[in-house]
Amino acid sequence: MAWKVLQYFEDLQDRGHPYRAGDSFPRSGLEVSPQRIAELSGTSNRRGEPLIENDGDPEAPPAEKKAGGRKRKAE
């Protein structure tokens, strides 16, 4: 499955391997779990924002969604 890196990060589960915006994730020869994909494509990571996105693969698992739905505007 192909995923595109949205912004620079160092993969702490891959000995700090750097990924730059536009790179493919995961790097060649590395397999990652669906849970890791969900973490990096959703908001349940250290940055709290998506770091990768589906690169058009229809079989890719959907990005993790944050519970609670939409945020309400502060009045």
PDB file of N, CA and C in Angstrom:
ATOM      1  N   MET A   1       0.840  -1.187   0.000  1.00  0.00           N
ATOM      2  CA  MET A   1       0.000   0.000   0.000  1.00  0.00           C
ATOM      3  C   MET A   1       0.880   1.245   0.000  1.00  0.00           C
ATOM      4  N   ALA A   2       0.448   2.236  -0.711  1.00  0.00           N
ATOM      5  CA  ALA A   2       1.239   3.451  -0.831  1.00  0.00           C
ATOM      6  C   ALA A   2       0.621   4.585  -0.022  1.00  0.00           C
ATOM      7  N   TRP A   3       1.450   5.231   0.721  1.00  0.00           N
ATOM      8  CA  TRP A   3       1.039   6.391   1.512  1.00  0.00           C
ATOM      9  C   TRP A   3       2.019   7.514   1.219  1.00  0.00           C
ATOM     10  N   LYS A   4       1.527   8.744   1.187  1.00  0.00           N
ATOM     11  CA  LYS A   4       2.363   9.910   0.916  1.00  0.00           C
ATOM     12  C   LYS A   4       2.555  10.693   2.206  1.00  0.00           C
ATOM     13  N   VAL A   5       3.794  11.084   2.461  1.00  0.00           N
ATOM     14  CA  VAL A   5       4.122  11.869   3.648  1.00  0.00           C
ATOM     15  C   VAL A   5       3.684  13.311   3.421  1.00  0.00           C
ATOM     16  N   LEU A   6       2.956  13.853   4.403  1.00  0.00           N
ATOM     17  CA  LEU A   6       2.446  15.225   4.315  1.00  0.00           C
ATOM     18  C   LEU A   6       3.438  16.250   4.845  1.00  0.00           C
ATOM     19  N   GLN A   7       4.172  15.884   5.889  1.00  0.00           N
ATOM     20  CA  GLN A   7       5.141  16.798   6.482  1.00  0.00           C
ATOM     21  C   GLN A   7       6.245  15.999   7.152  1.00  0.00           C
ATOM     22  N   TYR A   8       7.393  16.626   7.321  1.00  0.00           N
ATOM     23  CA  TYR A   8       8.568  15.947   7.868  1.00  0.00           C
ATOM     24  C   TYR A   8       8.272  15.338   9.235  1.00  0.00           C
ATOM     25  N   PHE A   9       8.728  14.102   9.407  1.00  0.00           N
ATOM     26  CA  PHE A   9       8.731  13.467  10.724  1.00  0.00           C
ATOM     27  C   PHE A   9       9.793  12.384  10.741  1.00  0.00           C
ATOM     28  N   GLU A  10      10.207  12.023  11.936  1.00  0.00           N
ATOM     29  CA  GLU A  10      11.146  10.930  12.123  1.00  0.00           C
ATOM     30  C   GLU A  10      10.370   9.779  12.749  1.00  0.00           C
ATOM     31  N   ASP A  11      10.412   8.625  12.104  1.00  0.00           N
ATOM     32  CA  ASP A  11       9.640   7.476  12.560  1.00  0.00           C
ATOM     33  C   ASP A  11      10.323   6.843  13.777  1.00  0.00           C
ATOM     34  N   LEU A  12       9.736   7.068  14.926  1.00  0.00           N
ATOM     35  CA  LEU A  12      10.308   6.568  16.168  1.00  0.00           C
ATOM     36  C   LEU A  12      10.218   5.052  16.273  1.00  0.00           C
ATOM     37  N   GLN A  13       9.395   4.426  15.460  1.00  0.00           N
ATOM     38  CA  GLN A  13       9.314   2.967  15.458  1.00  0.00           C
ATOM     39  C   GLN A  13      10.230   2.350  14.398  1.00  0.00           C
ATOM     40  N   ASP A  14      11.037   3.194  13.753  1.00  0.00           N
ATOM     41  CA  ASP A  14      11.997   2.734  12.744  1.00  0.00           C
ATOM     42  C   ASP A  14      13.345   3.415  12.980  1.00  0.00           C
ATOM     43  N   ARG A  15      13.773   3.391  14.225  1.00  0.00           N
ATOM     44  CA  ARG A  15      15.074   3.964  14.635  1.00  0.00           C
ATOM     45  C   ARG A  15      15.281   5.397  14.150  1.00  0.00           C
ATOM     46  N   GLY A  16      14.203   6.186  14.138  1.00  0.00           N
ATOM     47  CA  GLY A  16      14.295   7.599  13.783  1.00  0.00           C
ATOM     48  C   GLY A  16      14.450   7.876  12.307  1.00  0.00           C
ATOM     49  N   HIS A  17      14.081   6.919  11.463  1.00  0.00           N
ATOM     50  CA  HIS A  17      14.206   7.129  10.015  1.00  0.00           C
ATOM     51  C   HIS A  17      13.433   8.394   9.610  1.00  0.00           C
ATOM     52  N   PRO A  18      14.108   9.321   8.899  1.00  0.00           N
ATOM     53  CA  PRO A  18      13.432  10.566   8.504  1.00  0.00           C
ATOM     54  C   PRO A  18      12.563  10.392   7.256  1.00  0.00           C
ATOM     55  N   TYR A  19      11.411  11.028   7.285  1.00  0.00           N
ATOM     56  CA  TYR A  19      10.513  11.099   6.131  1.00  0.00           C
ATOM     57  C   TYR A  19      10.255  12.571   5.850  1.00  0.00           C
ATOM     58  N   ARG A  20      10.386  12.939   4.583  1.00  0.00           N
ATOM     59  CA  ARG A  20      10.146  14.323   4.172  1.00  0.00           C
ATOM     60  C   ARG A  20       8.839  14.401   3.392  1.00  0.00           C
ATOM     61  N   ALA A  21       8.234  15.573   3.362  1.00  0.00           N
ATOM     62  CA  ALA A  21       6.989  15.778   2.615  1.00  0.00           C
ATOM     63  C   ALA A  21       7.167  15.284   1.187  1.00  0.00           C
ATOM     64  N   GLY A  22       6.211  14.466   0.735  1.00  0.00           N
ATOM     65  CA  GLY A  22       6.258  13.922  -0.617  1.00  0.00           C
ATOM     66  C   GLY A  22       6.846  12.524  -0.695  1.00  0.00           C
ATOM     67  N   ASP A  23       7.578  12.087   0.351  1.00  0.00           N
ATOM     68  CA  ASP A  23       8.138  10.736   0.370  1.00  0.00           C
ATOM     69  C   ASP A  23       7.010   9.707   0.423  1.00  0.00           C
ATOM     70  N   SER A  24       7.322   8.484   0.047  1.00  0.00           N
ATOM     71  CA  SER A  24       6.402   7.360   0.210  1.00  0.00           C
ATOM     72  C   SER A  24       6.620   6.750   1.590  1.00  0.00           C
ATOM     73  N   PHE A  25       5.547   6.288   2.189  1.00  0.00           N
ATOM     74  CA  PHE A  25       5.616   5.614   3.484  1.00  0.00           C
ATOM     75  C   PHE A  25       4.904   4.289   3.349  1.00  0.00           C
ATOM     76  N   PRO A  26       5.457   3.214   3.857  1.00  0.00           N
ATOM     77  CA  PRO A  26       6.753   3.098   4.517  1.00  0.00           C
ATOM     78  C   PRO A  26       7.874   2.985   3.494  1.00  0.00           C
ATOM     79  N   ARG A  27       9.097   3.123   3.975  1.00  0.00           N
ATOM     80  CA  ARG A  27      10.251   3.015   3.076  1.00  0.00           C
ATOM     81  C   ARG A  27      10.323   1.586   2.539  1.00  0.00           C
ATOM     82  N   SER A  28      11.023   1.413   1.454  1.00  0.00           N
ATOM     83  CA  SER A  28      11.160   0.111   0.817  1.00  0.00           C
ATOM     84  C   SER A  28      11.735  -0.912   1.795  1.00  0.00           C
ATOM     85  N   GLY A  29      11.104  -2.073   1.836  1.00  0.00           N
ATOM     86  CA  GLY A  29      11.588  -3.149   2.692  1.00  0.00           C
ATOM     87  C   GLY A  29      11.018  -3.157   4.092  1.00  0.00           C
ATOM     88  N   LEU A  30      10.211  -2.160   4.433  1.00  0.00           N
ATOM     89  CA  LEU A  30       9.633  -2.077   5.773  1.00  0.00           C
ATOM     90  C   LEU A  30       8.137  -2.332   5.693  1.00  0.00           C
ATOM     91  N   GLU A  31       7.647  -3.202   6.564  1.00  0.00           N
ATOM     92  CA  GLU A  31       6.210  -3.439   6.663  1.00  0.00           C
ATOM     93  C   GLU A  31       5.724  -2.845   7.971  1.00  0.00           C
ATOM     94  N   VAL A  32       4.583  -2.185   7.934  1.00  0.00           N
ATOM     95  CA  VAL A  32       4.006  -1.595   9.143  1.00  0.00           C
ATOM     96  C   VAL A  32       2.594  -2.120   9.336  1.00  0.00           C
ATOM     97  N   SER A  33       2.150  -2.104  10.569  1.00  0.00           N
ATOM     98  CA  SER A  33       0.826  -2.621  10.900  1.00  0.00           C
ATOM     99  C   SER A  33      -0.269  -1.633  10.498  1.00  0.00           C
ATOM    100  N   PRO A  34      -1.476  -2.140  10.323  1.00  0.00           N
ATOM    101  CA  PRO A  34      -2.602  -1.241  10.058  1.00  0.00           C
ATOM    102  C   PRO A  34      -2.800  -0.237  11.195  1.00  0.00           C
ATOM    103  N   GLN A  35      -2.471  -0.632  12.422  1.00  0.00           N
ATOM    104  CA  GLN A  35      -2.589   0.286  13.556  1.00  0.00           C
ATOM    105  C   GLN A  35      -1.609   1.455  13.420  1.00  0.00           C
ATOM    106  N   ARG A  36      -0.404   1.178  12.929  1.00  0.00           N
ATOM    107  CA  ARG A  36       0.590   2.241  12.736  1.00  0.00           C
ATOM    108  C   ARG A  36       0.134   3.198  11.637  1.00  0.00           C
ATOM    109  N   ILE A  37      -0.421   2.651  10.567  1.00  0.00           N
ATOM    110  CA  ILE A  37      -0.946   3.493   9.485  1.00  0.00           C
ATOM    111  C   ILE A  37      -2.046   4.397  10.041  1.00  0.00           C
ATOM    112  N   ALA A  38      -2.955   3.813  10.825  1.00  0.00           N
ATOM    113  CA  ALA A  38      -4.051   4.592  11.404  1.00  0.00           C
ATOM    114  C   ALA A  38      -3.506   5.693  12.307  1.00  0.00           C
ATOM    115  N   GLU A  39      -2.482   5.389  13.084  1.00  0.00           N
ATOM    116  CA  GLU A  39      -1.886   6.380  13.984  1.00  0.00           C
ATOM    117  C   GLU A  39      -1.285   7.551  13.200  1.00  0.00           C
ATOM    118  N   LEU A  40      -0.520   7.241  12.159  1.00  0.00           N
ATOM    119  CA  LEU A  40       0.144   8.292  11.392  1.00  0.00           C
ATOM    120  C   LEU A  40      -0.789   9.053  10.454  1.00  0.00           C
ATOM    121  N   SER A  41      -1.871   8.416  10.024  1.00  0.00           N
ATOM    122  CA  SER A  41      -2.802   9.099   9.121  1.00  0.00           C
ATOM    123  C   SER A  41      -3.923   9.803   9.880  1.00  0.00           C
ATOM    124  N   GLY A  42      -3.975   9.588  11.172  1.00  0.00           N
ATOM    125  CA  GLY A  42      -4.998  10.225  12.000  1.00  0.00           C
ATOM    126  C   GLY A  42      -4.387  11.237  12.962  1.00  0.00           C
ATOM    127  N   THR A  43      -5.034  11.401  14.089  1.00  0.00           N
ATOM    128  CA  THR A  43      -4.584  12.399  15.065  1.00  0.00           C
ATOM    129  C   THR A  43      -4.061  11.788  16.361  1.00  0.00           C
ATOM    130  N   SER A  44      -3.982  10.454  16.409  1.00  0.00           N
ATOM    131  CA  SER A  44      -3.497   9.791  17.621  1.00  0.00           C
ATOM    132  C   SER A  44      -1.998   9.530  17.557  1.00  0.00           C
ATOM    133  N   ASN A  45      -1.249  10.570  17.277  1.00  0.00           N
ATOM    134  CA  ASN A  45       0.208  10.490  17.279  1.00  0.00           C
ATOM    135  C   ASN A  45       0.742  11.664  18.089  1.00  0.00           C
ATOM    136  N   ARG A  46       2.036  11.727  18.290  1.00  0.00           N
ATOM    137  CA  ARG A  46       2.617  12.777  19.149  1.00  0.00           C
ATOM    138  C   ARG A  46       2.299  14.195  18.679  1.00  0.00           C
ATOM    139  N   ARG A  47       2.159  14.386  17.395  1.00  0.00           N
ATOM    140  CA  ARG A  47       1.858  15.728  16.878  1.00  0.00           C
ATOM    141  C   ARG A  47       0.381  16.059  16.894  1.00  0.00           C
ATOM    142  N   GLY A  48      -0.460  15.041  16.955  1.00  0.00           N
ATOM    143  CA  GLY A  48      -1.902  15.273  16.985  1.00  0.00           C
ATOM    144  C   GLY A  48      -2.484  15.701  15.659  1.00  0.00           C
ATOM    145  N   GLU A  49      -1.787  15.396  14.559  1.00  0.00           N
ATOM    146  CA  GLU A  49      -2.265  15.739  13.224  1.00  0.00           C
ATOM    147  C   GLU A  49      -1.788  14.682  12.231  1.00  0.00           C
ATOM    148  N   PRO A  50      -2.496  14.526  11.115  1.00  0.00           N
ATOM    149  CA  PRO A  50      -2.087  13.522  10.127  1.00  0.00           C
ATOM    150  C   PRO A  50      -0.703  13.818   9.559  1.00  0.00           C
ATOM    151  N   LEU A  51       0.121  12.777   9.473  1.00  0.00           N
ATOM    152  CA  LEU A  51       1.465  12.908   8.919  1.00  0.00           C
ATOM    153  C   LEU A  51       1.585  12.231   7.558  1.00  0.00           C
ATOM    154  N   ILE A  52       0.637  11.328   7.257  1.00  0.00           N
ATOM    155  CA  ILE A  52       0.617  10.649   5.965  1.00  0.00           C
ATOM    156  C   ILE A  52      -0.818  10.626   5.451  1.00  0.00           C
ATOM    157  N   GLU A  53      -0.954  10.441   4.128  1.00  0.00           N
ATOM    158  CA  GLU A  53      -2.280  10.297   3.533  1.00  0.00           C
ATOM    159  C   GLU A  53      -2.229   9.211   2.475  1.00  0.00           C
ATOM    160  N   ASN A  54      -3.388   8.632   2.182  1.00  0.00           N
ATOM    161  CA  ASN A  54      -3.502   7.602   1.165  1.00  0.00           C
ATOM    162  C   ASN A  54      -3.065   8.193  -0.171  1.00  0.00           C
ATOM    163  N   ASP A  55      -2.228   7.448  -0.862  1.00  0.00           N
ATOM    164  CA  ASP A  55      -1.718   7.910  -2.151  1.00  0.00           C
ATOM    165  C   ASP A  55      -2.540   7.341  -3.307  1.00  0.00           C
ATOM    166  N   GLY A  56      -3.863   7.173  -3.065  1.00  0.00           N
ATOM    167  CA  GLY A  56      -4.753   6.714  -4.116  1.00  0.00           C
ATOM    168  C   GLY A  56      -4.990   5.221  -4.131  1.00  0.00           C
ATOM    169  N   ASP A  57      -4.520   4.481  -3.129  1.00  0.00           N
ATOM    170  CA  ASP A  57      -4.710   3.040  -3.059  1.00  0.00           C
ATOM    171  C   ASP A  57      -6.093   2.742  -2.491  1.00  0.00           C
ATOM    172  N   PRO A  58      -7.006   2.192  -3.284  1.00  0.00           N
ATOM    173  CA  PRO A  58      -8.356   1.939  -2.798  1.00  0.00           C
ATOM    174  C   PRO A  58      -8.426   0.858  -1.720  1.00  0.00           C
ATOM    175  N   GLU A  59      -7.385   0.038  -1.564  1.00  0.00           N
ATOM    176  CA  GLU A  59      -7.378  -1.004  -0.547  1.00  0.00           C
ATOM    177  C   GLU A  59      -6.758  -0.547   0.766  1.00  0.00           C
ATOM    178  N   ALA A  60      -6.292   0.679   0.823  1.00  0.00           N
ATOM    179  CA  ALA A  60      -5.676   1.189   2.039  1.00  0.00           C
ATOM    180  C   ALA A  60      -6.730   1.364   3.121  1.00  0.00           C
ATOM    181  N   PRO A  61      -6.351   1.084   4.389  1.00  0.00           N
ATOM    182  CA  PRO A  61      -7.328   1.284   5.464  1.00  0.00           C
ATOM    183  C   PRO A  61      -7.655   2.765   5.622  1.00  0.00           C
ATOM    184  N   PRO A  62      -8.868   3.090   6.055  1.00  0.00           N
ATOM    185  CA  PRO A  62      -9.236   4.499   6.225  1.00  0.00           C
ATOM    186  C   PRO A  62      -8.452   5.135   7.361  1.00  0.00           C
ATOM    187  N   ALA A  63      -8.262   6.435   7.279  1.00  0.00           N
ATOM    188  CA  ALA A  63      -7.577   7.178   8.336  1.00  0.00           C
ATOM    189  C   ALA A  63      -8.396   7.130   9.613  1.00  0.00           C
ATOM    190  N   GLU A  64      -7.708   7.133  10.715  1.00  0.00           N
ATOM    191  CA  GLU A  64      -8.371   7.136  12.021  1.00  0.00           C
ATOM    192  C   GLU A  64      -9.044   8.480  12.229  1.00  0.00           C
ATOM    193  N   LYS A  65     -10.221   8.456  12.759  1.00  0.00           N
ATOM    194  CA  LYS A  65     -10.955   9.694  13.042  1.00  0.00           C
ATOM    195  C   LYS A  65     -10.934   9.943  14.533  1.00  0.00           C
ATOM    196  N   LYS A  66     -10.879  11.206  14.896  1.00  0.00           N
ATOM    197  CA  LYS A  66     -10.907  11.583  16.304  1.00  0.00           C
ATOM    198  C   LYS A  66     -12.341  11.475  16.817  1.00  0.00           C
ATOM    199  N   ALA A  67     -12.499  10.902  17.966  1.00  0.00           N
ATOM    200  CA  ALA A  67     -13.833  10.740  18.550  1.00  0.00           C
ATOM    201  C   ALA A  67     -14.445  12.094  18.860  1.00  0.00           C
ATOM    202  N   GLY A  68     -15.763  12.176  18.772  1.00  0.00           N
ATOM    203  CA  GLY A  68     -16.438  13.400  19.165  1.00  0.00           C
ATOM    204  C   GLY A  68     -16.969  14.227  18.013  1.00  0.00           C
ATOM    205  N   GLY A  69     -16.624  13.852  16.790  1.00  0.00           N
ATOM    206  CA  GLY A  69     -17.164  14.609  15.664  1.00  0.00           C
ATOM    207  C   GLY A  69     -16.516  15.966  15.485  1.00  0.00           C
ATOM    208  N   ARG A  70     -17.302  16.906  14.955  1.00  0.00           N
ATOM    209  CA  ARG A  70     -16.777  18.248  14.674  1.00  0.00           C
ATOM    210  C   ARG A  70     -16.635  19.066  15.949  1.00  0.00           C
ATOM    211  N   LYS A  71     -15.662  19.981  15.879  1.00  0.00           N
ATOM    212  CA  LYS A  71     -15.473  20.907  16.992  1.00  0.00           C
ATOM    213  C   LYS A  71     -16.485  22.022  16.888  1.00  0.00           C
ATOM    214  N   ARG A  72     -16.960  22.480  18.020  1.00  0.00           N
ATOM    215  CA  ARG A  72     -17.897  23.609  18.036  1.00  0.00           C
ATOM    216  C   ARG A  72     -17.109  24.894  18.117  1.00  0.00           C
ATOM    217  N   LYS A  73     -17.624  25.909  17.481  1.00  0.00           N
ATOM    218  CA  LYS A  73     -16.999  27.232  17.559  1.00  0.00           C
ATOM    219  C   LYS A  73     -17.179  27.822  18.936  1.00  0.00           C
ATOM    220  N   ALA A  74     -16.120  28.442  19.436  1.00  0.00           N
ATOM    221  CA  ALA A  74     -16.215  29.114  20.722  1.00  0.00           C
ATOM    222  C   ALA A  74     -17.019  30.398  20.547  1.00  0.00           C
ATOM    223  N   GLU A  75     -17.913  30.648  21.457  1.00  0.00           N
ATOM    224  CA  GLU A  75     -18.741  31.860  21.339  1.00  0.00           C
ATOM    225  C   GLU A  75     -18.241  32.954  22.240  1.00  0.00           C
TER     226      GLU A  75
END
